[in-house]
Amino acid sequence: MSKTLTEWAQGNGARPPIVACAAWKGGDGKSTKARELAYLLNAVLVDFDWDAGCSSRSMGYRHENYVRAPLRDAFTKGRTPTPVSGRRKADLVPSYPDLVNEQPSRDEVTDHLERWARELGRPLVVDTHPGGCELTYGAVNAADTVVVPAVMVKESLNALEGMVDELTDYPLLITPNKVDSPPAWARRRLAEIVTRHEIPMGPLVYDEPWIRKRTINIAISSEPVAKRAARFVASMDKLAEAVRNYE
């Protein structure tokens, strides 16, 4: 039986759930998935991507307007960060550029995330930096589900295969992303990757070029949903359901 959002949010009894969105290649749609999932799952979005194209900036947060960085204080002072709330988007723990040089060890990151989930009493969705780094490894170590977008082109599938081979024992959920009319060889290769490691597949997400041109910072899934967004939002609803029922 499918879990309701309330049932899922209770977690494992020790803490609410943690979801990591991760990819070993940038540009595969990881951050878009993280922002939408955080909104749909009523979770706090923790942004571990320090680059200018990060979720924090996409959601309208400008680190240069603030003296303090919530993540820096959380890591260095042991504080549970207070999320930034906004209209029609997920609550956010924002990133900042110097995070690249101020990463704690992966074990510390895992401990911090689990404590934040407990103390906030809410699920977390972690948007990671592309590729393997201490923050990303710490996030996937803490995660109950690791959502991995799979774009059906050679470079992305190469990166996906390397990631899957490295993280075989982690709770991966691969979702084909930006799909239009993928060639037969790409479909075969993706099938071989997921079959070899018995990784569950999430819903297919079609290519939506208009998303790359958006300038507003609200969640695409927020009501009222634009007519052109209906297909994308339907796929995000299915992905959120797959996360809630991941075993």
C-alpha atoms as a PDB file:
ATOM      1  CA  MET A   1       0.000   0.000   0.000  1.00  0.00           C
ATOM      2  CA  SER A   2       1.285   3.446  -0.920  1.00  0.00           C
ATOM      3  CA  LYS A   3       2.476   5.571   1.988  1.00  0.00           C
ATOM      4  CA  THR A   4       0.847   8.921   2.578  1.00  0.00           C
ATOM      5  CA  LEU A   5       3.057  11.962   3.004  1.00  0.00           C
ATOM      6  CA  THR A   6       2.318  11.988   6.741  1.00  0.00           C
ATOM      7  CA  GLU A   7       3.226   8.309   7.133  1.00  0.00           C
ATOM      8  CA  TRP A   8       6.436   8.706   5.158  1.00  0.00           C
ATOM      9  CA  ALA A   9       7.504  11.847   7.049  1.00  0.00           C
ATOM     10  CA  GLN A  10       7.568   9.889  10.324  1.00  0.00           C
ATOM     11  CA  GLY A  11      10.676   8.126   9.072  1.00  0.00           C
ATOM     12  CA  ASN A  12      12.298   5.163  10.750  1.00  0.00           C
ATOM     13  CA  GLY A  13      11.369   6.107  14.302  1.00  0.00           C
ATOM     14  CA  ALA A  14      14.783   7.654  14.992  1.00  0.00           C
ATOM     15  CA  ARG A  15      14.420  10.587  12.607  1.00  0.00           C
ATOM     16  CA  PRO A  16      12.446  11.834   9.584  1.00  0.00           C
ATOM     17  CA  PRO A  17      13.610  10.662   6.142  1.00  0.00           C
ATOM     18  CA  ILE A  18      16.600  12.081   4.276  1.00  0.00           C
ATOM     19  CA  VAL A  19      16.669  12.144   0.468  1.00  0.00           C
ATOM     20  CA  ALA A  20      19.823  12.965  -1.497  1.00  0.00           C
ATOM     21  CA  CYS A  21      19.728  14.072  -5.129  1.00  0.00           C
ATOM     22  CA  ALA A  22      23.070  13.208  -6.676  1.00  0.00           C
ATOM     23  CA  ALA A  23      24.766  12.862 -10.052  1.00  0.00           C
ATOM     24  CA  TRP A  24      28.376  12.456 -11.098  1.00  0.00           C
ATOM     25  CA  LYS A  25      27.825  14.896 -13.997  1.00  0.00           C
ATOM     26  CA  GLY A  26      26.484  18.436 -13.898  1.00  0.00           C
ATOM     27  CA  GLY A  27      23.563  19.509 -16.045  1.00  0.00           C
ATOM     28  CA  ASP A  28      21.589  16.286 -15.706  1.00  0.00           C
ATOM     29  CA  GLY A  29      18.642  17.852 -13.859  1.00  0.00           C
ATOM     30  CA  LYS A  30      19.633  16.972 -10.299  1.00  0.00           C
ATOM     31  CA  SER A  31      18.887  20.389  -8.796  1.00  0.00           C
ATOM     32  CA  THR A  32      15.507  20.736 -10.488  1.00  0.00           C
ATOM     33  CA  LYS A  33      14.525  17.352  -9.058  1.00  0.00           C
ATOM     34  CA  ALA A  34      15.751  18.364  -5.596  1.00  0.00           C
ATOM     35  CA  ARG A  35      13.780  21.617  -5.547  1.00  0.00           C
ATOM     36  CA  GLU A  36      10.558  20.016  -6.738  1.00  0.00           C
ATOM     37  CA  LEU A  37      10.850  16.987  -4.456  1.00  0.00           C
ATOM     38  CA  ALA A  38      11.510  19.177  -1.431  1.00  0.00           C
ATOM     39  CA  TYR A  39       8.372  21.172  -2.205  1.00  0.00           C
ATOM     40  CA  LEU A  40       6.172  18.135  -2.871  1.00  0.00           C
ATOM     41  CA  LEU A  41       7.450  16.223   0.159  1.00  0.00           C
ATOM     42  CA  ASN A  42       7.150  19.233   2.495  1.00  0.00           C
ATOM     43  CA  ALA A  43      10.839  18.782   3.229  1.00  0.00           C
ATOM     44  CA  VAL A  44      13.632  21.223   3.987  1.00  0.00           C
ATOM     45  CA  LEU A  45      15.960  21.646   1.001  1.00  0.00           C
ATOM     46  CA  VAL A  46      19.604  21.579   2.124  1.00  0.00           C
ATOM     47  CA  ASP A  47      21.803  23.011  -0.619  1.00  0.00           C
ATOM     48  CA  PHE A  48      25.332  21.560  -0.727  1.00  0.00           C
ATOM     49  CA  ASP A  49      26.115  22.984  -4.192  1.00  0.00           C
ATOM     50  CA  TRP A  50      28.438  25.987  -3.923  1.00  0.00           C
ATOM     51  CA  ASP A  51      28.471  26.980  -7.618  1.00  0.00           C
ATOM     52  CA  ALA A  52      26.593  29.992  -8.995  1.00  0.00           C
ATOM     53  CA  GLY A  53      24.016  27.715 -10.618  1.00  0.00           C
ATOM     54  CA  CYS A  54      23.010  26.234  -7.270  1.00  0.00           C
ATOM     55  CA  SER A  55      19.460  25.778  -6.000  1.00  0.00           C
ATOM     56  CA  SER A  56      19.852  28.605  -3.483  1.00  0.00           C
ATOM     57  CA  ARG A  57      20.399  31.160  -6.221  1.00  0.00           C
ATOM     58  CA  SER A  58      17.700  29.639  -8.422  1.00  0.00           C
ATOM     59  CA  MET A  59      15.273  30.088  -5.522  1.00  0.00           C
ATOM     60  CA  GLY A  60      16.165  33.761  -5.142  1.00  0.00           C
ATOM     61  CA  TYR A  61      18.625  33.572  -2.224  1.00  0.00           C
ATOM     62  CA  ARG A  62      21.648  35.898  -2.560  1.00  0.00           C
ATOM     63  CA  HIS A  63      24.437  34.961  -0.147  1.00  0.00           C
ATOM     64  CA  GLU A  64      26.174  38.303  -0.739  1.00  0.00           C
ATOM     65  CA  ASN A  65      23.299  40.098   0.985  1.00  0.00           C
ATOM     66  CA  TYR A  66      24.043  38.403   4.314  1.00  0.00           C
ATOM     67  CA  VAL A  67      26.910  38.636   6.775  1.00  0.00           C
ATOM     68  CA  ARG A  68      26.546  35.086   8.069  1.00  0.00           C
ATOM     69  CA  ALA A  69      26.259  31.789   6.197  1.00  0.00           C
ATOM     70  CA  PRO A  70      23.805  29.383   7.892  1.00  0.00           C
ATOM     71  CA  LEU A  71      25.681  26.280   6.753  1.00  0.00           C
ATOM     72  CA  ARG A  72      28.999  27.597   8.036  1.00  0.00           C
ATOM     73  CA  ASP A  73      27.484  28.281  11.451  1.00  0.00           C
ATOM     74  CA  ALA A  74      25.786  24.894  11.452  1.00  0.00           C
ATOM     75  CA  PHE A  75      28.990  23.012  10.664  1.00  0.00           C
ATOM     76  CA  THR A  76      31.424  25.013  12.812  1.00  0.00           C
ATOM     77  CA  LYS A  77      29.211  25.748  15.821  1.00  0.00           C
ATOM     78  CA  GLY A  78      27.057  22.640  15.913  1.00  0.00           C
ATOM     79  CA  ARG A  79      23.861  24.597  15.400  1.00  0.00           C
ATOM     80  CA  THR A  80      20.832  23.227  13.624  1.00  0.00           C
ATOM     81  CA  PRO A  81      20.174  25.758  10.844  1.00  0.00           C
ATOM     82  CA  THR A  82      16.906  27.664  10.664  1.00  0.00           C
ATOM     83  CA  PRO A  83      15.489  27.230   7.155  1.00  0.00           C
ATOM     84  CA  VAL A  84      14.629  30.261   5.049  1.00  0.00           C
ATOM     85  CA  SER A  85      10.948  30.214   4.143  1.00  0.00           C
ATOM     86  CA  GLY A  86       9.412  31.583   0.966  1.00  0.00           C
ATOM     87  CA  ARG A  87       6.140  31.618  -0.905  1.00  0.00           C
ATOM     88  CA  ARG A  88       5.324  28.655  -3.190  1.00  0.00           C
ATOM     89  CA  LYS A  89       8.703  26.970  -2.754  1.00  0.00           C
ATOM     90  CA  ALA A  90      10.470  24.682  -0.312  1.00  0.00           C
ATOM     91  CA  ASP A  91      12.058  25.943   2.899  1.00  0.00           C
ATOM     92  CA  LEU A  92      15.792  26.290   2.285  1.00  0.00           C
ATOM     93  CA  VAL A  93      19.125  25.912   4.055  1.00  0.00           C
ATOM     94  CA  PRO A  94      21.188  27.935   1.571  1.00  0.00           C
ATOM     95  CA  SER A  95      24.684  27.338   0.272  1.00  0.00           C
ATOM     96  CA  TYR A  96      27.559  29.786  -0.173  1.00  0.00           C
ATOM     97  CA  PRO A  97      30.664  29.851  -2.455  1.00  0.00           C
ATOM     98  CA  ASP A  98      33.321  29.269   0.234  1.00  0.00           C
ATOM     99  CA  LEU A  99      31.693  25.959   1.116  1.00  0.00           C
ATOM    100  CA  VAL A 100      33.980  24.353  -1.459  1.00  0.00           C
ATOM    101  CA  ASN A 101      36.962  25.010   0.844  1.00  0.00           C
ATOM    102  CA  GLU A 102      35.120  24.522   4.145  1.00  0.00           C
ATOM    103  CA  GLN A 103      33.689  21.028   3.744  1.00  0.00           C
ATOM    104  CA  PRO A 104      33.623  18.874   6.871  1.00  0.00           C
ATOM    105  CA  SER A 105      34.530  15.204   6.560  1.00  0.00           C
ATOM    106  CA  ARG A 106      31.870  12.917   5.132  1.00  0.00           C
ATOM    107  CA  ASP A 107      31.244  11.298   8.515  1.00  0.00           C
ATOM    108  CA  GLU A 108      30.673  14.706  10.101  1.00  0.00           C
ATOM    109  CA  VAL A 109      28.305  15.645   7.262  1.00  0.00           C
ATOM    110  CA  THR A 110      26.289  12.476   7.834  1.00  0.00           C
ATOM    111  CA  ASP A 111      26.070  13.140  11.573  1.00  0.00           C
ATOM    112  CA  HIS A 112      25.000  16.753  11.012  1.00  0.00           C
ATOM    113  CA  LEU A 113      22.246  15.834   8.533  1.00  0.00           C
ATOM    114  CA  GLU A 114      20.797  13.168  10.797  1.00  0.00           C
ATOM    115  CA  ARG A 115      20.782  15.562  13.752  1.00  0.00           C
ATOM    116  CA  TRP A 116      19.159  18.335  11.693  1.00  0.00           C
ATOM    117  CA  ALA A 117      16.381  15.993  10.586  1.00  0.00           C
ATOM    118  CA  ARG A 118      15.746  14.986  14.201  1.00  0.00           C
ATOM    119  CA  GLU A 119      15.854  18.480  15.628  1.00  0.00           C
ATOM    120  CA  LEU A 120      13.839  20.116  12.836  1.00  0.00           C
ATOM    121  CA  GLY A 121      11.378  17.222  12.957  1.00  0.00           C
ATOM    122  CA  ARG A 122      11.081  17.329   9.184  1.00  0.00           C
ATOM    123  CA  PRO A 123      12.362  15.372   6.175  1.00  0.00           C
ATOM    124  CA  LEU A 124      15.423  16.724   4.366  1.00  0.00           C
ATOM    125  CA  VAL A 125      16.143  16.766   0.642  1.00  0.00           C
ATOM    126  CA  VAL A 126      19.833  17.395  -0.035  1.00  0.00           C
ATOM    127  CA  ASP A 127      20.923  18.910  -3.340  1.00  0.00           C
ATOM    128  CA  THR A 128      24.542  17.817  -3.747  1.00  0.00           C
ATOM    129  CA  HIS A 129      27.409  19.176  -5.800  1.00  0.00           C
ATOM    130  CA  PRO A 130      27.997  17.177  -9.005  1.00  0.00           C
ATOM    131  CA  GLY A 131      30.534  14.399  -8.574  1.00  0.00           C
ATOM    132  CA  GLY A 132      32.099  12.884  -5.496  1.00  0.00           C
ATOM    133  CA  CYS A 133      33.214  15.202  -2.661  1.00  0.00           C
ATOM    134  CA  GLU A 134      33.005  15.041   1.138  1.00  0.00           C
ATOM    135  CA  LEU A 135      29.617  16.791   1.225  1.00  0.00           C
ATOM    136  CA  THR A 136      28.135  14.515  -1.423  1.00  0.00           C
ATOM    137  CA  TYR A 137      29.464  11.321   0.142  1.00  0.00           C
ATOM    138  CA  GLY A 138      28.190  12.461   3.529  1.00  0.00           C
ATOM    139  CA  ALA A 139      24.747  13.129   2.078  1.00  0.00           C
ATOM    140  CA  VAL A 140      24.426   9.757   0.348  1.00  0.00           C
ATOM    141  CA  ASN A 141      25.654   8.045   3.543  1.00  0.00           C
ATOM    142  CA  ALA A 142      22.793   9.672   5.463  1.00  0.00           C
ATOM    143  CA  ALA A 143      20.143   9.184   2.784  1.00  0.00           C
ATOM    144  CA  ASP A 144      17.279   6.736   2.894  1.00  0.00           C
ATOM    145  CA  THR A 145      16.896   7.272  -0.856  1.00  0.00           C
ATOM    146  CA  VAL A 146      19.382   8.650  -3.401  1.00  0.00           C
ATOM    147  CA  VAL A 147      17.600  10.033  -6.467  1.00  0.00           C
ATOM    148  CA  VAL A 148      19.835   9.869  -9.540  1.00  0.00           C
ATOM    149  CA  PRO A 149      18.776  11.438 -12.868  1.00  0.00           C
ATOM    150  CA  ALA A 150      19.790   9.505 -15.973  1.00  0.00           C
ATOM    151  CA  VAL A 151      20.068  11.537 -19.172  1.00  0.00           C
ATOM    152  CA  MET A 152      20.130   9.383 -22.300  1.00  0.00           C
ATOM    153  CA  VAL A 153      23.340  10.651 -23.889  1.00  0.00           C
ATOM    154  CA  LYS A 154      26.792   9.082 -23.951  1.00  0.00           C
ATOM    155  CA  GLU A 155      28.592  11.378 -21.475  1.00  0.00           C
ATOM    156  CA  SER A 156      25.798  11.228 -18.910  1.00  0.00           C
ATOM    157  CA  LEU A 157      25.475   7.463 -19.147  1.00  0.00           C
ATOM    158  CA  ASN A 158      29.252   7.122 -18.731  1.00  0.00           C
ATOM    159  CA  ALA A 159      29.048   9.189 -15.541  1.00  0.00           C
ATOM    160  CA  LEU A 160      26.008   7.250 -14.356  1.00  0.00           C
ATOM    161  CA  GLU A 161      27.744   3.916 -14.834  1.00  0.00           C
ATOM    162  CA  GLY A 162      30.779   5.097 -12.861  1.00  0.00           C
ATOM    163  CA  MET A 163      28.557   6.391 -10.067  1.00  0.00           C
ATOM    164  CA  VAL A 164      26.512   3.203  -9.884  1.00  0.00           C
ATOM    165  CA  ASP A 165      29.628   1.007  -9.859  1.00  0.00           C
ATOM    166  CA  GLU A 166      31.001   3.085  -6.973  1.00  0.00           C
ATOM    167  CA  LEU A 167      27.764   3.315  -4.969  1.00  0.00           C
ATOM    168  CA  THR A 168      26.403  -0.183  -5.539  1.00  0.00           C
ATOM    169  CA  ASP A 169      25.366  -0.677  -1.919  1.00  0.00           C
ATOM    170  CA  TYR A 170      23.507   2.617  -1.581  1.00  0.00           C
ATOM    171  CA  PRO A 171      19.706   3.055  -1.886  1.00  0.00           C
ATOM    172  CA  LEU A 172      19.724   4.415  -5.427  1.00  0.00           C
ATOM    173  CA  LEU A 173      16.607   5.314  -7.395  1.00  0.00           C
ATOM    174  CA  ILE A 174      17.427   6.056 -11.039  1.00  0.00           C
ATOM    175  CA  THR A 175      14.956   8.159 -12.986  1.00  0.00           C
ATOM    176  CA  PRO A 176      15.383   8.701 -16.752  1.00  0.00           C
ATOM    177  CA  ASN A 177      15.498  12.455 -17.257  1.00  0.00           C
ATOM    178  CA  LYS A 178      15.135  14.892 -20.168  1.00  0.00           C
ATOM    179  CA  VAL A 179      13.823  12.033 -22.274  1.00  0.00           C
ATOM    180  CA  ASP A 180      12.546  12.796 -25.769  1.00  0.00           C
ATOM    181  CA  SER A 181      13.279  10.069 -28.307  1.00  0.00           C
ATOM    182  CA  PRO A 182      16.379   8.301 -26.989  1.00  0.00           C
ATOM    183  CA  PRO A 183      18.187   6.002 -29.413  1.00  0.00           C
ATOM    184  CA  ALA A 184      17.928   2.275 -28.955  1.00  0.00           C
ATOM    185  CA  TRP A 185      21.565   1.959 -27.851  1.00  0.00           C
ATOM    186  CA  ALA A 186      20.968   4.427 -24.985  1.00  0.00           C
ATOM    187  CA  ARG A 187      17.883   2.545 -23.808  1.00  0.00           C
ATOM    188  CA  ARG A 188      19.816  -0.728 -23.909  1.00  0.00           C
ATOM    189  CA  ARG A 189      22.750   0.711 -21.989  1.00  0.00           C
ATOM    190  CA  LEU A 190      20.554   2.190 -19.258  1.00  0.00           C
ATOM    191  CA  ALA A 191      18.711  -1.115 -18.938  1.00  0.00           C
ATOM    192  CA  GLU A 192      22.024  -2.951 -18.625  1.00  0.00           C
ATOM    193  CA  ILE A 193      23.258  -0.579 -15.893  1.00  0.00           C
ATOM    194  CA  VAL A 194      20.158  -0.877 -13.725  1.00  0.00           C
ATOM    195  CA  THR A 195      19.744  -4.620 -14.316  1.00  0.00           C
ATOM    196  CA  ARG A 196      23.340  -5.436 -13.441  1.00  0.00           C
ATOM    197  CA  HIS A 197      22.959  -3.885  -9.988  1.00  0.00           C
ATOM    198  CA  GLU A 198      19.204  -4.498  -9.538  1.00  0.00           C
ATOM    199  CA  ILE A 199      18.517  -0.782  -9.067  1.00  0.00           C
ATOM    200  CA  PRO A 200      14.876   0.349  -9.036  1.00  0.00           C
ATOM    201  CA  MET A 201      13.753   2.784 -11.709  1.00  0.00           C
ATOM    202  CA  GLY A 202      11.780   5.929 -11.064  1.00  0.00           C
ATOM    203  CA  PRO A 203       9.319   7.485 -13.507  1.00  0.00           C
ATOM    204  CA  LEU A 204      10.379   8.775 -16.893  1.00  0.00           C
ATOM    205  CA  VAL A 205      10.715  12.572 -17.100  1.00  0.00           C
ATOM    206  CA  TYR A 206      10.347  14.115 -20.561  1.00  0.00           C
ATOM    207  CA  ASP A 207      12.547  16.859 -21.934  1.00  0.00           C
ATOM    208  CA  GLU A 208      10.989  20.236 -21.134  1.00  0.00           C
ATOM    209  CA  PRO A 209      13.136  22.935 -22.816  1.00  0.00           C
ATOM    210  CA  TRP A 210      11.028  25.742 -21.334  1.00  0.00           C
ATOM    211  CA  ILE A 211      12.333  24.900 -17.846  1.00  0.00           C
ATOM    212  CA  ARG A 212      15.806  26.068 -18.843  1.00  0.00           C
ATOM    213  CA  LYS A 213      14.355  29.481 -19.727  1.00  0.00           C
ATOM    214  CA  ARG A 214      12.438  30.058 -16.473  1.00  0.00           C
ATOM    215  CA  THR A 215      13.298  33.188 -14.505  1.00  0.00           C
ATOM    216  CA  ILE A 216      10.769  32.970 -11.649  1.00  0.00           C
ATOM    217  CA  ASN A 217      11.936  31.203  -8.504  1.00  0.00           C
ATOM    218  CA  ILE A 218       8.780  29.430  -7.297  1.00  0.00           C
ATOM    219  CA  ALA A 219       8.397  25.664  -7.468  1.00  0.00           C
ATOM    220  CA  ILE A 220       7.082  24.445 -10.823  1.00  0.00           C
ATOM    221  CA  SER A 221       4.760  22.121  -8.887  1.00  0.00           C
ATOM    222  CA  SER A 222       3.199  24.904  -6.822  1.00  0.00           C
ATOM    223  CA  GLU A 223      -0.451  25.771  -7.383  1.00  0.00           C
ATOM    224  CA  PRO A 224      -1.752  26.990  -9.712  1.00  0.00           C
ATOM    225  CA  VAL A 225       0.242  24.776 -12.091  1.00  0.00           C
ATOM    226  CA  ALA A 226       0.813  26.313 -15.516  1.00  0.00           C
ATOM    227  CA  LYS A 227      -0.754  24.399 -18.406  1.00  0.00           C
ATOM    228  CA  ARG A 228       2.600  23.781 -20.084  1.00  0.00           C
ATOM    229  CA  ALA A 229       3.960  22.349 -16.811  1.00  0.00           C
ATOM    230  CA  ALA A 230       1.253  19.692 -16.384  1.00  0.00           C
ATOM    231  CA  ARG A 231       3.270  16.820 -17.881  1.00  0.00           C
ATOM    232  CA  PHE A 232       6.380  17.684 -15.877  1.00  0.00           C
ATOM    233  CA  VAL A 233       4.456  18.092 -12.615  1.00  0.00           C
ATOM    234  CA  ALA A 234       2.725  14.743 -13.165  1.00  0.00           C
ATOM    235  CA  SER A 235       6.155  13.102 -13.432  1.00  0.00           C
ATOM    236  CA  MET A 236       7.339  14.876 -10.262  1.00  0.00           C
ATOM    237  CA  ASP A 237       4.256  13.636  -8.414  1.00  0.00           C
ATOM    238  CA  LYS A 238       5.141  10.096  -9.506  1.00  0.00           C
ATOM    239  CA  LEU A 239       8.762  10.580  -8.445  1.00  0.00           C
ATOM    240  CA  ALA A 240       7.682  11.862  -5.025  1.00  0.00           C
ATOM    241  CA  GLU A 241       5.462   8.787  -4.679  1.00  0.00           C
ATOM    242  CA  ALA A 242       8.390   6.524  -5.657  1.00  0.00           C
ATOM    243  CA  VAL A 243      10.540   8.168  -2.973  1.00  0.00           C
ATOM    244  CA  ARG A 244       7.851   7.767  -0.319  1.00  0.00           C
ATOM    245  CA  ASN A 245       7.515   4.079  -1.115  1.00  0.00           C
ATOM    246  CA  TYR A 246      11.173   3.240  -1.699  1.00  0.00           C
ATOM    247  CA  GLU A 247      12.190  -0.066  -0.187  1.00  0.00           C
END
